[in-house]
Amino acid sequence: RYKLLGQFVIGGAVLSYVYFNQSHVP
């Protein structure tokens, strides 16, 4: 359950960064 939680946190953090990042985008 902690492995899965860690994977969700990592995936969610990276997904949020990619989705909401406004710098260097066309």
PDB file of all heavy atoms in Angstrom:
ATOM      1  N   ARG A   1       0.831  -1.213   0.000  1.00  0.00           N
ATOM      2  CA  ARG A   1       0.000   0.000   0.000  1.00  0.00           C
ATOM      3  C   ARG A   1       0.862   1.258   0.000  1.00  0.00           C
ATOM      4  O   ARG A   1       0.492   2.270  -0.597  1.00  0.00           O
ATOM      5  CB  ARG A   1      -0.971  -0.012   1.172  1.00  0.00           C
ATOM      6  CG  ARG A   1      -0.343   0.030   2.539  1.00  0.00           C
ATOM      7  CD  ARG A   1      -1.415  -0.002   3.633  1.00  0.00           C
ATOM      8  NE  ARG A   1      -0.834  -0.291   4.913  1.00  0.00           N
ATOM      9  CZ  ARG A   1      -0.680  -1.496   5.426  1.00  0.00           C
ATOM     10  NH1 ARG A   1      -1.084  -2.547   4.749  1.00  0.00           N
ATOM     11  NH2 ARG A   1      -0.139  -1.663   6.605  1.00  0.00           N
ATOM     12  N   TYR A   2       2.040   1.199   0.633  1.00  0.00           N
ATOM     13  CA  TYR A   2       2.928   2.360   0.626  1.00  0.00           C
ATOM     14  C   TYR A   2       3.628   2.522  -0.729  1.00  0.00           C
ATOM     15  O   TYR A   2       3.899   3.634  -1.159  1.00  0.00           O
ATOM     16  CB  TYR A   2       3.938   2.286   1.756  1.00  0.00           C
ATOM     17  CG  TYR A   2       3.289   2.368   3.112  1.00  0.00           C
ATOM     18  CD1 TYR A   2       3.500   1.389   4.071  1.00  0.00           C
ATOM     19  CD2 TYR A   2       2.438   3.419   3.431  1.00  0.00           C
ATOM     20  CE1 TYR A   2       2.899   1.451   5.306  1.00  0.00           C
ATOM     21  CE2 TYR A   2       1.828   3.490   4.666  1.00  0.00           C
ATOM     22  CZ  TYR A   2       2.060   2.510   5.597  1.00  0.00           C
ATOM     23  OH  TYR A   2       1.447   2.581   6.822  1.00  0.00           O
ATOM     24  N   LYS A   3       3.948   1.388  -1.358  1.00  0.00           N
ATOM     25  CA  LYS A   3       4.514   1.466  -2.712  1.00  0.00           C
ATOM     26  C   LYS A   3       3.498   2.119  -3.649  1.00  0.00           C
ATOM     27  O   LYS A   3       3.838   3.012  -4.433  1.00  0.00           O
ATOM     28  CB  LYS A   3       4.850   0.072  -3.244  1.00  0.00           C
ATOM     29  CG  LYS A   3       6.046  -0.589  -2.646  1.00  0.00           C
ATOM     30  CD  LYS A   3       6.256  -1.916  -3.348  1.00  0.00           C
ATOM     31  CE  LYS A   3       6.996  -2.876  -2.480  1.00  0.00           C
ATOM     32  NZ  LYS A   3       7.129  -4.202  -3.086  1.00  0.00           N
ATOM     33  N   LEU A   4       2.269   1.654  -3.572  1.00  0.00           N
ATOM     34  CA  LEU A   4       1.219   2.198  -4.431  1.00  0.00           C
ATOM     35  C   LEU A   4       0.971   3.671  -4.133  1.00  0.00           C
ATOM     36  O   LEU A   4       0.815   4.483  -5.054  1.00  0.00           O
ATOM     37  CB  LEU A   4      -0.061   1.383  -4.256  1.00  0.00           C
ATOM     38  CG  LEU A   4      -1.148   1.564  -5.297  1.00  0.00           C
ATOM     39  CD1 LEU A   4      -0.610   1.238  -6.681  1.00  0.00           C
ATOM     40  CD2 LEU A   4      -2.334   0.679  -4.976  1.00  0.00           C
ATOM     41  N   LEU A   5       0.960   4.026  -2.852  1.00  0.00           N
ATOM     42  CA  LEU A   5       0.788   5.427  -2.474  1.00  0.00           C
ATOM     43  C   LEU A   5       1.931   6.278  -3.036  1.00  0.00           C
ATOM     44  O   LEU A   5       1.705   7.355  -3.595  1.00  0.00           O
ATOM     45  CB  LEU A   5       0.723   5.571  -0.948  1.00  0.00           C
ATOM     46  CG  LEU A   5       0.630   7.001  -0.424  1.00  0.00           C
ATOM     47  CD1 LEU A   5      -0.710   7.620  -0.828  1.00  0.00           C
ATOM     48  CD2 LEU A   5       0.797   7.020   1.087  1.00  0.00           C
ATOM     49  N   GLY A   6       3.158   5.796  -2.916  1.00  0.00           N
ATOM     50  CA  GLY A   6       4.307   6.511  -3.460  1.00  0.00           C
ATOM     51  C   GLY A   6       4.204   6.682  -4.964  1.00  0.00           C
ATOM     52  O   GLY A   6       4.517   7.749  -5.504  1.00  0.00           O
ATOM     53  N   GLN A   7       3.748   5.647  -5.656  1.00  0.00           N
ATOM     54  CA  GLN A   7       3.587   5.740  -7.100  1.00  0.00           C
ATOM     55  C   GLN A   7       2.519   6.757  -7.475  1.00  0.00           C
ATOM     56  O   GLN A   7       2.692   7.529  -8.426  1.00  0.00           O
ATOM     57  CB  GLN A   7       3.258   4.368  -7.680  1.00  0.00           C
ATOM     58  CG  GLN A   7       4.416   3.409  -7.608  1.00  0.00           C
ATOM     59  CD  GLN A   7       4.043   1.991  -7.984  1.00  0.00           C
ATOM     60  OE1 GLN A   7       2.880   1.653  -8.173  1.00  0.00           O
ATOM     61  NE2 GLN A   7       5.046   1.139  -8.083  1.00  0.00           N
ATOM     62  N   PHE A   8       1.417   6.780  -6.744  1.00  0.00           N
ATOM     63  CA  PHE A   8       0.374   7.770  -7.008  1.00  0.00           C
ATOM     64  C   PHE A   8       0.881   9.189  -6.740  1.00  0.00           C
ATOM     65  O   PHE A   8       0.576  10.110  -7.503  1.00  0.00           O
ATOM     66  CB  PHE A   8      -0.874   7.495  -6.167  1.00  0.00           C
ATOM     67  CG  PHE A   8      -1.808   6.499  -6.782  1.00  0.00           C
ATOM     68  CD1 PHE A   8      -2.082   5.309  -6.132  1.00  0.00           C
ATOM     69  CD2 PHE A   8      -2.413   6.742  -8.007  1.00  0.00           C
ATOM     70  CE1 PHE A   8      -2.939   4.382  -6.688  1.00  0.00           C
ATOM     71  CE2 PHE A   8      -3.273   5.825  -8.571  1.00  0.00           C
ATOM     72  CZ  PHE A   8      -3.538   4.636  -7.911  1.00  0.00           C
ATOM     73  N   VAL A   9       1.638   9.363  -5.672  1.00  0.00           N
ATOM     74  CA  VAL A   9       2.162  10.692  -5.345  1.00  0.00           C
ATOM     75  C   VAL A   9       3.130  11.161  -6.435  1.00  0.00           C
ATOM     76  O   VAL A   9       3.042  12.303  -6.918  1.00  0.00           O
ATOM     77  CB  VAL A   9       2.836  10.694  -3.951  1.00  0.00           C
ATOM     78  CG1 VAL A   9       3.656  11.951  -3.728  1.00  0.00           C
ATOM     79  CG2 VAL A   9       1.792  10.539  -2.862  1.00  0.00           C
ATOM     80  N   ILE A  10       4.041  10.291  -6.841  1.00  0.00           N
ATOM     81  CA  ILE A  10       5.010  10.652  -7.888  1.00  0.00           C
ATOM     82  C   ILE A  10       4.289  10.944  -9.200  1.00  0.00           C
ATOM     83  O   ILE A  10       4.520  11.976  -9.844  1.00  0.00           O
ATOM     84  CB  ILE A  10       6.060   9.538  -8.068  1.00  0.00           C
ATOM     85  CG1 ILE A  10       6.960   9.471  -6.843  1.00  0.00           C
ATOM     86  CG2 ILE A  10       6.887   9.756  -9.339  1.00  0.00           C
ATOM     87  CD1 ILE A  10       7.818   8.227  -6.787  1.00  0.00           C
ATOM     88  N   GLY A  11       3.415  10.036  -9.591  1.00  0.00           N
ATOM     89  CA  GLY A  11       2.674  10.237 -10.838  1.00  0.00           C
ATOM     90  C   GLY A  11       1.813  11.489 -10.805  1.00  0.00           C
ATOM     91  O   GLY A  11       1.767  12.264 -11.766  1.00  0.00           O
ATOM     92  N   GLY A  12       1.131  11.717  -9.678  1.00  0.00           N
ATOM     93  CA  GLY A  12       0.281  12.906  -9.546  1.00  0.00           C
ATOM     94  C   GLY A  12       1.084  14.193  -9.554  1.00  0.00           C
ATOM     95  O   GLY A  12       0.671  15.187 -10.169  1.00  0.00           O
ATOM     96  N   ALA A  13       2.230  14.183  -8.888  1.00  0.00           N
ATOM     97  CA  ALA A  13       3.067  15.385  -8.846  1.00  0.00           C
ATOM     98  C   ALA A  13       3.594  15.724 -10.241  1.00  0.00           C
ATOM     99  O   ALA A  13       3.550  16.884 -10.672  1.00  0.00           O
ATOM    100  CB  ALA A  13       4.227  15.190  -7.874  1.00  0.00           C
ATOM    101  N   VAL A  14       4.078  14.720 -10.959  1.00  0.00           N
ATOM    102  CA  VAL A  14       4.614  14.969 -12.300  1.00  0.00           C
ATOM    103  C   VAL A  14       3.489  15.365 -13.253  1.00  0.00           C
ATOM    104  O   VAL A  14       3.644  16.290 -14.053  1.00  0.00           O
ATOM    105  CB  VAL A  14       5.385  13.732 -12.816  1.00  0.00           C
ATOM    106  CG1 VAL A  14       5.738  13.870 -14.280  1.00  0.00           C
ATOM    107  CG2 VAL A  14       6.643  13.519 -11.990  1.00  0.00           C
ATOM    108  N   LEU A  15       2.350  14.705 -13.161  1.00  0.00           N
ATOM    109  CA  LEU A  15       1.215  15.052 -14.004  1.00  0.00           C
ATOM    110  C   LEU A  15       0.755  16.485 -13.739  1.00  0.00           C
ATOM    111  O   LEU A  15       0.493  17.251 -14.673  1.00  0.00           O
ATOM    112  CB  LEU A  15       0.059  14.077 -13.776  1.00  0.00           C
ATOM    113  CG  LEU A  15      -1.206  14.328 -14.591  1.00  0.00           C
ATOM    114  CD1 LEU A  15      -0.932  14.125 -16.069  1.00  0.00           C
ATOM    115  CD2 LEU A  15      -2.317  13.419 -14.123  1.00  0.00           C
ATOM    116  N   SER A  16       0.703  16.868 -12.483  1.00  0.00           N
ATOM    117  CA  SER A  16       0.311  18.234 -12.133  1.00  0.00           C
ATOM    118  C   SER A  16       1.304  19.243 -12.673  1.00  0.00           C
ATOM    119  O   SER A  16       0.922  20.296 -13.196  1.00  0.00           O
ATOM    120  CB  SER A  16       0.209  18.391 -10.616  1.00  0.00           C
ATOM    121  OG  SER A  16      -0.788  17.554 -10.106  1.00  0.00           O
ATOM    122  N   TYR A  17       2.583  18.938 -12.556  1.00  0.00           N
ATOM    123  CA  TYR A  17       3.604  19.847 -13.063  1.00  0.00           C
ATOM    124  C   TYR A  17       3.467  20.029 -14.570  1.00  0.00           C
ATOM    125  O   TYR A  17       3.498  21.146 -15.081  1.00  0.00           O
ATOM    126  CB  TYR A  17       5.003  19.347 -12.715  1.00  0.00           C
ATOM    127  CG  TYR A  17       6.083  20.224 -13.280  1.00  0.00           C
ATOM    128  CD1 TYR A  17       6.368  21.460 -12.708  1.00  0.00           C
ATOM    129  CD2 TYR A  17       6.786  19.850 -14.416  1.00  0.00           C
ATOM    130  CE1 TYR A  17       7.336  22.287 -13.243  1.00  0.00           C
ATOM    131  CE2 TYR A  17       7.754  20.668 -14.956  1.00  0.00           C
ATOM    132  CZ  TYR A  17       8.026  21.883 -14.368  1.00  0.00           C
ATOM    133  OH  TYR A  17       8.977  22.705 -14.910  1.00  0.00           O
ATOM    134  N   VAL A  18       3.326  18.925 -15.292  1.00  0.00           N
ATOM    135  CA  VAL A  18       3.203  19.007 -16.748  1.00  0.00           C
ATOM    136  C   VAL A  18       1.932  19.751 -17.141  1.00  0.00           C
ATOM    137  O   VAL A  18       1.938  20.579 -18.042  1.00  0.00           O
ATOM    138  CB  VAL A  18       3.218  17.597 -17.380  1.00  0.00           C
ATOM    139  CG1 VAL A  18       2.804  17.632 -18.842  1.00  0.00           C
ATOM    140  CG2 VAL A  18       4.590  16.977 -17.249  1.00  0.00           C
ATOM    141  N   TYR A  19       0.850  19.485 -16.441  1.00  0.00           N
ATOM    142  CA  TYR A  19      -0.431  20.068 -16.809  1.00  0.00           C
ATOM    143  C   TYR A  19      -0.500  21.560 -16.506  1.00  0.00           C
ATOM    144  O   TYR A  19      -1.022  22.334 -17.294  1.00  0.00           O
ATOM    145  CB  TYR A  19      -1.560  19.328 -16.093  1.00  0.00           C
ATOM    146  CG  TYR A  19      -2.914  19.678 -16.639  1.00  0.00           C
ATOM    147  CD1 TYR A  19      -3.363  19.107 -17.816  1.00  0.00           C
ATOM    148  CD2 TYR A  19      -3.732  20.586 -15.995  1.00  0.00           C
ATOM    149  CE1 TYR A  19      -4.595  19.425 -18.340  1.00  0.00           C
ATOM    150  CE2 TYR A  19      -4.973  20.913 -16.508  1.00  0.00           C
ATOM    151  CZ  TYR A  19      -5.400  20.334 -17.683  1.00  0.00           C
ATOM    152  OH  TYR A  19      -6.618  20.655 -18.190  1.00  0.00           O
ATOM    153  N   PHE A  20       0.035  21.957 -15.353  1.00  0.00           N
ATOM    154  CA  PHE A  20      -0.107  23.347 -14.932  1.00  0.00           C
ATOM    155  C   PHE A  20       1.086  24.234 -15.229  1.00  0.00           C
ATOM    156  O   PHE A  20       1.032  25.434 -15.007  1.00  0.00           O
ATOM    157  CB  PHE A  20      -0.438  23.419 -13.435  1.00  0.00           C
ATOM    158  CG  PHE A  20      -1.782  22.848 -13.122  1.00  0.00           C
ATOM    159  CD1 PHE A  20      -1.905  21.689 -12.382  1.00  0.00           C
ATOM    160  CD2 PHE A  20      -2.933  23.476 -13.575  1.00  0.00           C
ATOM    161  CE1 PHE A  20      -3.143  21.165 -12.094  1.00  0.00           C
ATOM    162  CE2 PHE A  20      -4.177  22.952 -13.296  1.00  0.00           C
ATOM    163  CZ  PHE A  20      -4.291  21.788 -12.551  1.00  0.00           C
ATOM    164  N   ASN A  21       2.184  23.667 -15.711  1.00  0.00           N
ATOM    165  CA  ASN A  21       3.369  24.456 -16.000  1.00  0.00           C
ATOM    166  C   ASN A  21       3.103  25.380 -17.186  1.00  0.00           C
ATOM    167  O   ASN A  21       2.703  24.941 -18.255  1.00  0.00           O
ATOM    168  CB  ASN A  21       4.554  23.541 -16.311  1.00  0.00           C
ATOM    169  CG  ASN A  21       5.820  24.318 -16.529  1.00  0.00           C
ATOM    170  OD1 ASN A  21       5.954  25.457 -16.104  1.00  0.00           O
ATOM    171  ND2 ASN A  21       6.769  23.695 -17.204  1.00  0.00           N
ATOM    172  N   GLN A  22       3.329  26.669 -17.010  1.00  0.00           N
ATOM    173  CA  GLN A  22       3.067  27.648 -18.062  1.00  0.00           C
ATOM    174  C   GLN A  22       4.341  28.104 -18.773  1.00  0.00           C
ATOM    175  O   GLN A  22       4.264  28.773 -19.784  1.00  0.00           O
ATOM    176  CB  GLN A  22       2.377  28.882 -17.450  1.00  0.00           C
ATOM    177  CG  GLN A  22       1.022  28.591 -16.876  1.00  0.00           C
ATOM    178  CD  GLN A  22      -0.023  28.391 -17.962  1.00  0.00           C
ATOM    179  OE1 GLN A  22       0.062  28.981 -19.023  1.00  0.00           O
ATOM    180  NE2 GLN A  22      -0.995  27.546 -17.694  1.00  0.00           N
ATOM    181  N   SER A  23       5.494  27.773 -18.238  1.00  0.00           N
ATOM    182  CA  SER A  23       6.735  28.273 -18.825  1.00  0.00           C
ATOM    183  C   SER A  23       7.165  27.414 -20.017  1.00  0.00           C
ATOM    184  O   SER A  23       6.945  26.207 -20.044  1.00  0.00           O
ATOM    185  CB  SER A  23       7.840  28.287 -17.775  1.00  0.00           C
ATOM    186  OG  SER A  23       8.098  26.982 -17.330  1.00  0.00           O
ATOM    187  N   HIS A  24       7.781  28.053 -20.985  1.00  0.00           N
ATOM    188  CA  HIS A  24       8.355  27.376 -22.154  1.00  0.00           C
ATOM    189  C   HIS A  24       7.329  26.542 -22.914  1.00  0.00           C
ATOM    190  O   HIS A  24       7.627  25.435 -23.334  1.00  0.00           O
ATOM    191  CB  HIS A  24       9.528  26.482 -21.755  1.00  0.00           C
ATOM    192  CG  HIS A  24      10.541  27.167 -20.931  1.00  0.00           C
ATOM    193  ND1 HIS A  24      11.252  28.265 -21.383  1.00  0.00           N
ATOM    194  CD2 HIS A  24      10.969  26.957 -19.675  1.00  0.00           C
ATOM    195  CE1 HIS A  24      12.072  28.665 -20.439  1.00  0.00           C
ATOM    196  NE2 HIS A  24      11.921  27.898 -19.398  1.00  0.00           N
ATOM    197  N   VAL A  25       6.131  27.074 -23.071  1.00  0.00           N
ATOM    198  CA  VAL A  25       5.121  26.323 -23.816  1.00  0.00           C
ATOM    199  C   VAL A  25       4.611  27.162 -24.979  1.00  0.00           C
ATOM    200  O   VAL A  25       4.498  28.371 -24.873  1.00  0.00           O
ATOM    201  CB  VAL A  25       3.942  25.895 -22.916  1.00  0.00           C
ATOM    202  CG1 VAL A  25       4.382  24.898 -21.898  1.00  0.00           C
ATOM    203  CG2 VAL A  25       3.285  27.078 -22.255  1.00  0.00           C
ATOM    204  N   PRO A  26       4.292  26.509 -26.091  1.00  0.00           N
ATOM    205  CA  PRO A  26       3.748  27.258 -27.223  1.00  0.00           C
ATOM    206  C   PRO A  26       2.325  27.735 -26.947  1.00  0.00           C
ATOM    207  O   PRO A  26       1.692  27.320 -25.972  1.00  0.00           O
ATOM    208  CB  PRO A  26       3.779  26.235 -28.366  1.00  0.00           C
ATOM    209  CG  PRO A  26       3.894  24.916 -27.726  1.00  0.00           C
ATOM    210  CD  PRO A  26       4.525  25.116 -26.385  1.00  0.00           C
TER     211      PRO A  26
END
